[in-house]
């Protein structure tokens, strides 16, 4: 099988429904599967949908031994059957032909975000601490580059790489936050590239009710764990989140 399109789900059936059905209606899914990782575990609507309307293309796996997007996205790669894996959020839409250009590669592939005005795009993040995150969206544009190019990173709502060589998130990550910047740097340190593929255009629903808890403590602990793993300086985390929260999170991270 060429490609698995995998997405985590946490008690958000409606989002998953429209994301899956848009893929089935508008994308060429020959040699592809759609994999849903249910990290909630109590979603009979989702189970009925996959069983009754999945058409053999959609597969559901319940994974509740861990929590948070990093855990769920790791499970996408663990349970995928495709040679390549495109991991997307359950509230992401792909532009027509987005799947046709995905190469088979050990590199970390991302694509341009299309803004909701359907006119403007942004291809990468800049490594800046702002808004409780490491990374901000870069400059917008109306015309996409013609060829792939190296980037620092982008949002982890859409990325692709080879299943067999997936480097994985830190297994101690829990809750929401800490993925972006960390996973791209992990690939660079392994001698691989982080690439923007212009054809892999995606749209993300930002203004939405998040169904799971978003705790600042989880986010800071994840950043600390990731920076420790990769040998990165912890000072920017302390400066951004403040000494009190940093020290509390550092103590917690060191006990894990």
C-alpha atoms as a PDB file:
ATOM      1  CA  UNK A   1       0.000   0.000   0.000  1.00  0.00           C
ATOM      2  CA  UNK A   2       1.394   3.379  -1.026  1.00  0.00           C
ATOM      3  CA  UNK A   3      -0.057   5.725   1.574  1.00  0.00           C
ATOM      4  CA  UNK A   4      -1.845   5.800   4.916  1.00  0.00           C
ATOM      5  CA  UNK A   5      -3.717   8.997   5.727  1.00  0.00           C
ATOM      6  CA  UNK A   6      -3.979   8.873   9.500  1.00  0.00           C
ATOM      7  CA  UNK A   7      -5.676  11.156  11.991  1.00  0.00           C
ATOM      8  CA  UNK A   8      -6.207  11.180  15.763  1.00  0.00           C
ATOM      9  CA  UNK A   9      -9.727  11.578  17.104  1.00  0.00           C
ATOM     10  CA  UNK A  10     -10.882  12.564  20.581  1.00  0.00           C
ATOM     11  CA  UNK A  11     -14.663  12.751  20.950  1.00  0.00           C
ATOM     12  CA  UNK A  12     -15.039  14.863  17.803  1.00  0.00           C
ATOM     13  CA  UNK A  13     -17.037  12.712  15.394  1.00  0.00           C
ATOM     14  CA  UNK A  14     -18.371  15.596  13.304  1.00  0.00           C
ATOM     15  CA  UNK A  15     -14.870  16.853  12.442  1.00  0.00           C
ATOM     16  CA  UNK A  16     -13.703  13.354  11.577  1.00  0.00           C
ATOM     17  CA  UNK A  17     -16.767  12.717   9.417  1.00  0.00           C
ATOM     18  CA  UNK A  18     -16.223  15.735   7.193  1.00  0.00           C
ATOM     19  CA  UNK A  19     -12.464  15.259   6.968  1.00  0.00           C
ATOM     20  CA  UNK A  20     -12.822  11.601   5.980  1.00  0.00           C
ATOM     21  CA  UNK A  21     -15.649  12.187   3.523  1.00  0.00           C
ATOM     22  CA  UNK A  22     -13.820  15.090   1.871  1.00  0.00           C
ATOM     23  CA  UNK A  23     -10.851  12.789   1.339  1.00  0.00           C
ATOM     24  CA  UNK A  24     -13.075  10.113  -0.170  1.00  0.00           C
ATOM     25  CA  UNK A  25     -14.956  12.532  -2.435  1.00  0.00           C
ATOM     26  CA  UNK A  26     -12.119  14.696  -3.713  1.00  0.00           C
ATOM     27  CA  UNK A  27      -8.871  12.706  -3.540  1.00  0.00           C
ATOM     28  CA  UNK A  28      -7.534   9.764  -5.515  1.00  0.00           C
ATOM     29  CA  UNK A  29      -7.324   7.070  -2.843  1.00  0.00           C
ATOM     30  CA  UNK A  30      -6.052   4.226  -4.989  1.00  0.00           C
ATOM     31  CA  UNK A  31      -3.384   2.382  -2.967  1.00  0.00           C
ATOM     32  CA  UNK A  32      -4.379   4.437   0.079  1.00  0.00           C
ATOM     33  CA  UNK A  33      -6.141   3.838   3.368  1.00  0.00           C
ATOM     34  CA  UNK A  34      -7.677   6.221   5.896  1.00  0.00           C
ATOM     35  CA  UNK A  35      -6.793   5.379   9.497  1.00  0.00           C
ATOM     36  CA  UNK A  36      -8.538   6.915  12.505  1.00  0.00           C
ATOM     37  CA  UNK A  37      -6.918   6.606  15.927  1.00  0.00           C
ATOM     38  CA  UNK A  38      -9.613   6.958  18.585  1.00  0.00           C
ATOM     39  CA  UNK A  39      -7.855   8.319  21.673  1.00  0.00           C
ATOM     40  CA  UNK A  40     -11.185   8.830  23.474  1.00  0.00           C
ATOM     41  CA  UNK A  41     -12.447   5.262  23.382  1.00  0.00           C
ATOM     42  CA  UNK A  42     -16.129   5.952  23.941  1.00  0.00           C
ATOM     43  CA  UNK A  43     -17.348   7.070  20.532  1.00  0.00           C
ATOM     44  CA  UNK A  44     -20.095   4.753  19.236  1.00  0.00           C
ATOM     45  CA  UNK A  45     -21.005   7.254  16.484  1.00  0.00           C
ATOM     46  CA  UNK A  46     -17.516   6.982  15.074  1.00  0.00           C
ATOM     47  CA  UNK A  47     -17.516   3.201  15.288  1.00  0.00           C
ATOM     48  CA  UNK A  48     -20.885   2.938  13.519  1.00  0.00           C
ATOM     49  CA  UNK A  49     -19.735   5.323  10.790  1.00  0.00           C
ATOM     50  CA  UNK A  50     -16.591   3.340  10.031  1.00  0.00           C
ATOM     51  CA  UNK A  51     -18.372  -0.018  10.216  1.00  0.00           C
ATOM     52  CA  UNK A  52     -21.403   0.931   8.143  1.00  0.00           C
ATOM     53  CA  UNK A  53     -20.081   3.585   5.762  1.00  0.00           C
ATOM     54  CA  UNK A  54     -16.313   3.165   5.702  1.00  0.00           C
ATOM     55  CA  UNK A  55     -16.445   1.122   2.520  1.00  0.00           C
ATOM     56  CA  UNK A  56     -13.328  -0.823   3.394  1.00  0.00           C
ATOM     57  CA  UNK A  57     -11.207   2.305   2.933  1.00  0.00           C
ATOM     58  CA  UNK A  58     -11.555   3.657   6.475  1.00  0.00           C
ATOM     59  CA  UNK A  59     -10.099   1.802   9.449  1.00  0.00           C
ATOM     60  CA  UNK A  60     -10.562   2.564  13.157  1.00  0.00           C
ATOM     61  CA  UNK A  61      -8.165   1.654  15.977  1.00  0.00           C
ATOM     62  CA  UNK A  62      -8.855   2.526  19.611  1.00  0.00           C
ATOM     63  CA  UNK A  63      -5.703   3.590  21.504  1.00  0.00           C
ATOM     64  CA  UNK A  64      -6.201   4.861  25.048  1.00  0.00           C
ATOM     65  CA  UNK A  65      -3.019   3.787  26.849  1.00  0.00           C
ATOM     66  CA  UNK A  66      -1.685   7.351  26.547  1.00  0.00           C
ATOM     67  CA  UNK A  67      -3.033  10.863  26.102  1.00  0.00           C
ATOM     68  CA  UNK A  68      -2.380  13.824  23.870  1.00  0.00           C
ATOM     69  CA  UNK A  69      -1.692  14.492  20.190  1.00  0.00           C
ATOM     70  CA  UNK A  70       1.908  13.225  20.275  1.00  0.00           C
ATOM     71  CA  UNK A  71       0.817   9.840  21.638  1.00  0.00           C
ATOM     72  CA  UNK A  72      -2.055   9.572  19.161  1.00  0.00           C
ATOM     73  CA  UNK A  73       0.116  10.544  16.197  1.00  0.00           C
ATOM     74  CA  UNK A  74       2.708   7.961  17.197  1.00  0.00           C
ATOM     75  CA  UNK A  75      -0.121   5.416  17.121  1.00  0.00           C
ATOM     76  CA  UNK A  76      -0.940   6.465  13.561  1.00  0.00           C
ATOM     77  CA  UNK A  77       2.526   5.296  12.509  1.00  0.00           C
ATOM     78  CA  UNK A  78       2.361   2.170  14.657  1.00  0.00           C
ATOM     79  CA  UNK A  79      -0.894   0.979  13.092  1.00  0.00           C
ATOM     80  CA  UNK A  80      -0.475   2.306   9.544  1.00  0.00           C
ATOM     81  CA  UNK A  81      -0.175  -0.160   6.671  1.00  0.00           C
ATOM     82  CA  UNK A  82       1.041   2.290   4.027  1.00  0.00           C
ATOM     83  CA  UNK A  83       4.663   2.675   3.023  1.00  0.00           C
ATOM     84  CA  UNK A  84       4.334   6.440   3.514  1.00  0.00           C
ATOM     85  CA  UNK A  85       2.166   8.062   6.197  1.00  0.00           C
ATOM     86  CA  UNK A  86       0.417  11.396   5.925  1.00  0.00           C
ATOM     87  CA  UNK A  87      -0.611  12.403   9.435  1.00  0.00           C
ATOM     88  CA  UNK A  88      -3.309  15.076   9.602  1.00  0.00           C
ATOM     89  CA  UNK A  89      -5.552  16.600  12.232  1.00  0.00           C
ATOM     90  CA  UNK A  90      -9.207  15.602  12.108  1.00  0.00           C
ATOM     91  CA  UNK A  91     -10.117  19.170  11.133  1.00  0.00           C
ATOM     92  CA  UNK A  92      -7.859  19.498   8.087  1.00  0.00           C
ATOM     93  CA  UNK A  93      -8.874  19.605   4.411  1.00  0.00           C
ATOM     94  CA  UNK A  94      -6.495  18.882   1.540  1.00  0.00           C
ATOM     95  CA  UNK A  95      -6.451  20.686  -1.795  1.00  0.00           C
ATOM     96  CA  UNK A  96      -7.107  18.688  -4.985  1.00  0.00           C
ATOM     97  CA  UNK A  97      -4.063  16.686  -6.118  1.00  0.00           C
ATOM     98  CA  UNK A  98      -2.372  17.194  -2.750  1.00  0.00           C
ATOM     99  CA  UNK A  99      -1.707  13.462  -2.406  1.00  0.00           C
ATOM    100  CA  UNK A 100      -0.280  12.860  -5.869  1.00  0.00           C
ATOM    101  CA  UNK A 101       3.072  14.548  -5.254  1.00  0.00           C
ATOM    102  CA  UNK A 102       4.034  12.973  -1.920  1.00  0.00           C
ATOM    103  CA  UNK A 103       7.396  11.221  -2.433  1.00  0.00           C
ATOM    104  CA  UNK A 104       8.618   8.092  -0.692  1.00  0.00           C
ATOM    105  CA  UNK A 105      11.259   9.531   1.608  1.00  0.00           C
ATOM    106  CA  UNK A 106      12.829   9.396   5.053  1.00  0.00           C
ATOM    107  CA  UNK A 107      12.680  13.193   5.164  1.00  0.00           C
ATOM    108  CA  UNK A 108       9.998  15.151   7.029  1.00  0.00           C
ATOM    109  CA  UNK A 109       7.512  16.555   4.519  1.00  0.00           C
ATOM    110  CA  UNK A 110       5.144  19.434   5.196  1.00  0.00           C
ATOM    111  CA  UNK A 111       3.087  21.671   2.932  1.00  0.00           C
ATOM    112  CA  UNK A 112       1.710  25.196   2.626  1.00  0.00           C
ATOM    113  CA  UNK A 113      -1.206  26.185   4.814  1.00  0.00           C
ATOM    114  CA  UNK A 114      -4.031  27.768   2.827  1.00  0.00           C
ATOM    115  CA  UNK A 115      -5.812  30.456   4.800  1.00  0.00           C
ATOM    116  CA  UNK A 116      -9.599  30.398   4.964  1.00  0.00           C
ATOM    117  CA  UNK A 117      -9.880  33.243   2.434  1.00  0.00           C
ATOM    118  CA  UNK A 118      -8.720  30.720  -0.228  1.00  0.00           C
ATOM    119  CA  UNK A 119      -6.273  33.350  -1.506  1.00  0.00           C
ATOM    120  CA  UNK A 120      -3.303  33.446   0.865  1.00  0.00           C
ATOM    121  CA  UNK A 121      -0.793  30.787   1.865  1.00  0.00           C
ATOM    122  CA  UNK A 122       2.016  30.410   4.358  1.00  0.00           C
ATOM    123  CA  UNK A 123       4.766  27.855   3.795  1.00  0.00           C
ATOM    124  CA  UNK A 124       6.672  27.714   7.070  1.00  0.00           C
ATOM    125  CA  UNK A 125       7.091  28.712  10.675  1.00  0.00           C
ATOM    126  CA  UNK A 126       9.788  30.940  12.077  1.00  0.00           C
ATOM    127  CA  UNK A 127      11.633  29.771  15.237  1.00  0.00           C
ATOM    128  CA  UNK A 128      10.237  32.480  17.525  1.00  0.00           C
ATOM    129  CA  UNK A 129       8.745  32.058  21.007  1.00  0.00           C
ATOM    130  CA  UNK A 130       5.337  33.733  21.062  1.00  0.00           C
ATOM    131  CA  UNK A 131       1.857  32.959  22.378  1.00  0.00           C
ATOM    132  CA  UNK A 132       3.054  30.066  24.560  1.00  0.00           C
ATOM    133  CA  UNK A 133       4.491  28.263  21.545  1.00  0.00           C
ATOM    134  CA  UNK A 134       7.862  27.754  19.879  1.00  0.00           C
ATOM    135  CA  UNK A 135       7.205  28.921  16.352  1.00  0.00           C
ATOM    136  CA  UNK A 136       5.068  31.495  14.559  1.00  0.00           C
ATOM    137  CA  UNK A 137       3.619  31.485  11.072  1.00  0.00           C
ATOM    138  CA  UNK A 138       5.868  33.186   8.538  1.00  0.00           C
ATOM    139  CA  UNK A 139       5.049  35.602   5.745  1.00  0.00           C
ATOM    140  CA  UNK A 140       1.915  35.022   3.705  1.00  0.00           C
ATOM    141  CA  UNK A 141       1.887  34.830  -0.087  1.00  0.00           C
ATOM    142  CA  UNK A 142      -0.600  34.501  -2.928  1.00  0.00           C
ATOM    143  CA  UNK A 143       1.671  32.543  -5.274  1.00  0.00           C
ATOM    144  CA  UNK A 144       3.272  29.297  -4.149  1.00  0.00           C
ATOM    145  CA  UNK A 145       6.855  28.326  -5.022  1.00  0.00           C
ATOM    146  CA  UNK A 146       7.250  25.869  -7.892  1.00  0.00           C
ATOM    147  CA  UNK A 147       9.776  23.559  -6.233  1.00  0.00           C
ATOM    148  CA  UNK A 148      10.195  21.985  -2.778  1.00  0.00           C
ATOM    149  CA  UNK A 149      12.528  23.758  -0.362  1.00  0.00           C
ATOM    150  CA  UNK A 150      13.955  23.317   3.137  1.00  0.00           C
ATOM    151  CA  UNK A 151      12.137  24.939   6.055  1.00  0.00           C
ATOM    152  CA  UNK A 152      12.634  25.229   9.825  1.00  0.00           C
ATOM    153  CA  UNK A 153       9.222  23.740  10.432  1.00  0.00           C
ATOM    154  CA  UNK A 154       5.477  24.229  10.326  1.00  0.00           C
ATOM    155  CA  UNK A 155       2.357  23.228  12.210  1.00  0.00           C
ATOM    156  CA  UNK A 156       2.019  19.511  12.861  1.00  0.00           C
ATOM    157  CA  UNK A 157      -1.557  19.432  11.617  1.00  0.00           C
ATOM    158  CA  UNK A 158      -0.200  17.989   8.372  1.00  0.00           C
ATOM    159  CA  UNK A 159       3.070  16.139   7.778  1.00  0.00           C
ATOM    160  CA  UNK A 160       4.336  13.038   6.010  1.00  0.00           C
ATOM    161  CA  UNK A 161       7.264  10.650   6.233  1.00  0.00           C
ATOM    162  CA  UNK A 162       8.101   6.974   5.748  1.00  0.00           C
ATOM    163  CA  UNK A 163       6.438   4.650   8.231  1.00  0.00           C
ATOM    164  CA  UNK A 164       9.404   2.294   8.640  1.00  0.00           C
ATOM    165  CA  UNK A 165      11.773   5.080   9.618  1.00  0.00           C
ATOM    166  CA  UNK A 166       9.480   7.273  11.735  1.00  0.00           C
ATOM    167  CA  UNK A 167      11.589   8.783  14.527  1.00  0.00           C
ATOM    168  CA  UNK A 168       8.643   9.298  16.866  1.00  0.00           C
ATOM    169  CA  UNK A 169       7.729  11.782  19.567  1.00  0.00           C
ATOM    170  CA  UNK A 170       9.205  11.599  23.029  1.00  0.00           C
ATOM    171  CA  UNK A 171       7.227   8.802  24.760  1.00  0.00           C
ATOM    172  CA  UNK A 172       6.985  10.911  27.936  1.00  0.00           C
ATOM    173  CA  UNK A 173       4.984  13.642  26.181  1.00  0.00           C
ATOM    174  CA  UNK A 174       1.450  13.934  27.486  1.00  0.00           C
ATOM    175  CA  UNK A 175      -1.350  16.372  26.906  1.00  0.00           C
ATOM    176  CA  UNK A 176      -1.299  19.145  24.320  1.00  0.00           C
ATOM    177  CA  UNK A 177       1.765  21.002  23.047  1.00  0.00           C
ATOM    178  CA  UNK A 178       5.469  20.638  22.399  1.00  0.00           C
ATOM    179  CA  UNK A 179       5.339  18.826  19.048  1.00  0.00           C
ATOM    180  CA  UNK A 180       6.264  21.651  16.686  1.00  0.00           C
ATOM    181  CA  UNK A 181       9.921  22.561  16.482  1.00  0.00           C
ATOM    182  CA  UNK A 182      10.872  19.440  18.426  1.00  0.00           C
ATOM    183  CA  UNK A 183      10.014  16.818  15.794  1.00  0.00           C
ATOM    184  CA  UNK A 184      11.560  18.803  12.941  1.00  0.00           C
ATOM    185  CA  UNK A 185      14.797  19.314  14.899  1.00  0.00           C
ATOM    186  CA  UNK A 186      14.842  15.598  15.689  1.00  0.00           C
ATOM    187  CA  UNK A 187      14.814  14.838  11.962  1.00  0.00           C
ATOM    188  CA  UNK A 188      17.564  17.348  11.238  1.00  0.00           C
ATOM    189  CA  UNK A 189      19.754  15.897  13.980  1.00  0.00           C
ATOM    190  CA  UNK A 190      19.278  12.482  12.365  1.00  0.00           C
ATOM    191  CA  UNK A 191      20.700  13.862   9.115  1.00  0.00           C
ATOM    192  CA  UNK A 192      17.366  14.227   7.356  1.00  0.00           C
ATOM    193  CA  UNK A 193      15.678  17.225   5.794  1.00  0.00           C
ATOM    194  CA  UNK A 194      12.534  19.156   6.671  1.00  0.00           C
ATOM    195  CA  UNK A 195      10.904  20.116   3.397  1.00  0.00           C
ATOM    196  CA  UNK A 196       7.955  22.181   2.235  1.00  0.00           C
ATOM    197  CA  UNK A 197       6.251  20.401  -0.664  1.00  0.00           C
ATOM    198  CA  UNK A 198       4.273  23.129  -2.485  1.00  0.00           C
ATOM    199  CA  UNK A 199       1.601  20.741  -3.812  1.00  0.00           C
ATOM    200  CA  UNK A 200       0.682  19.503  -0.323  1.00  0.00           C
ATOM    201  CA  UNK A 201      -1.752  22.334   0.379  1.00  0.00           C
ATOM    202  CA  UNK A 202      -3.886  22.017   3.503  1.00  0.00           C
ATOM    203  CA  UNK A 203      -6.453  24.062   5.387  1.00  0.00           C
ATOM    204  CA  UNK A 204      -6.854  23.907   9.155  1.00  0.00           C
ATOM    205  CA  UNK A 205      -9.860  24.888  11.256  1.00  0.00           C
ATOM    206  CA  UNK A 206      -8.364  27.031  14.011  1.00  0.00           C
ATOM    207  CA  UNK A 207     -11.501  28.594  15.499  1.00  0.00           C
ATOM    208  CA  UNK A 208     -12.944  25.472  17.066  1.00  0.00           C
ATOM    209  CA  UNK A 209     -13.839  24.033  20.440  1.00  0.00           C
ATOM    210  CA  UNK A 210     -11.027  21.724  21.530  1.00  0.00           C
ATOM    211  CA  UNK A 211     -12.611  18.582  23.026  1.00  0.00           C
ATOM    212  CA  UNK A 212      -9.714  17.643  25.305  1.00  0.00           C
ATOM    213  CA  UNK A 213      -7.996  19.484  28.137  1.00  0.00           C
ATOM    214  CA  UNK A 214      -5.292  21.999  27.201  1.00  0.00           C
ATOM    215  CA  UNK A 215      -3.073  22.506  30.258  1.00  0.00           C
ATOM    216  CA  UNK A 216      -0.167  24.931  30.312  1.00  0.00           C
ATOM    217  CA  UNK A 217       1.778  22.645  32.632  1.00  0.00           C
ATOM    218  CA  UNK A 218       1.647  19.793  30.099  1.00  0.00           C
ATOM    219  CA  UNK A 219       2.876  22.106  27.362  1.00  0.00           C
ATOM    220  CA  UNK A 220       5.890  23.362  29.331  1.00  0.00           C
ATOM    221  CA  UNK A 221       6.835  19.880  30.534  1.00  0.00           C
ATOM    222  CA  UNK A 222       6.727  18.636  26.934  1.00  0.00           C
ATOM    223  CA  UNK A 223       8.949  21.477  25.761  1.00  0.00           C
ATOM    224  CA  UNK A 224      11.441  20.712  28.529  1.00  0.00           C
ATOM    225  CA  UNK A 225      11.440  16.973  27.760  1.00  0.00           C
ATOM    226  CA  UNK A 226      11.941  17.613  24.072  1.00  0.00           C
ATOM    227  CA  UNK A 227      14.734  20.110  24.588  1.00  0.00           C
ATOM    228  CA  UNK A 228      16.497  17.795  27.023  1.00  0.00           C
ATOM    229  CA  UNK A 229      16.263  14.883  24.599  1.00  0.00           C
ATOM    230  CA  UNK A 230      17.742  16.919  21.748  1.00  0.00           C
ATOM    231  CA  UNK A 231      20.367  18.720  23.827  1.00  0.00           C
ATOM    232  CA  UNK A 232      18.830  22.149  23.267  1.00  0.00           C
ATOM    233  CA  UNK A 233      19.177  25.151  25.557  1.00  0.00           C
ATOM    234  CA  UNK A 234      16.387  25.352  28.152  1.00  0.00           C
ATOM    235  CA  UNK A 235      16.869  29.090  28.747  1.00  0.00           C
ATOM    236  CA  UNK A 236      14.340  30.242  26.093  1.00  0.00           C
ATOM    237  CA  UNK A 237      11.634  28.109  27.748  1.00  0.00           C
ATOM    238  CA  UNK A 238      12.351  29.675  31.130  1.00  0.00           C
ATOM    239  CA  UNK A 239      12.389  33.159  29.672  1.00  0.00           C
ATOM    240  CA  UNK A 240       9.117  32.686  27.807  1.00  0.00           C
ATOM    241  CA  UNK A 241       7.030  30.948  30.472  1.00  0.00           C
ATOM    242  CA  UNK A 242       8.546  32.513  33.567  1.00  0.00           C
ATOM    243  CA  UNK A 243      10.755  31.153  36.315  1.00  0.00           C
ATOM    244  CA  UNK A 244       8.007  29.795  38.585  1.00  0.00           C
ATOM    245  CA  UNK A 245       6.209  27.717  35.945  1.00  0.00           C
ATOM    246  CA  UNK A 246       9.514  26.640  34.407  1.00  0.00           C
ATOM    247  CA  UNK A 247      10.956  25.401  37.705  1.00  0.00           C
ATOM    248  CA  UNK A 248       7.783  23.516  38.606  1.00  0.00           C
ATOM    249  CA  UNK A 249       7.675  21.918  35.145  1.00  0.00           C
ATOM    250  CA  UNK A 250      11.390  21.097  35.201  1.00  0.00           C
ATOM    251  CA  UNK A 251      10.993  19.275  38.506  1.00  0.00           C
ATOM    252  CA  UNK A 252       8.060  17.325  37.091  1.00  0.00           C
ATOM    253  CA  UNK A 253       9.897  16.480  33.872  1.00  0.00           C
ATOM    254  CA  UNK A 254      12.942  15.219  35.763  1.00  0.00           C
ATOM    255  CA  UNK A 255      10.753  12.836  37.772  1.00  0.00           C
ATOM    256  CA  UNK A 256       9.246  11.227  34.658  1.00  0.00           C
END
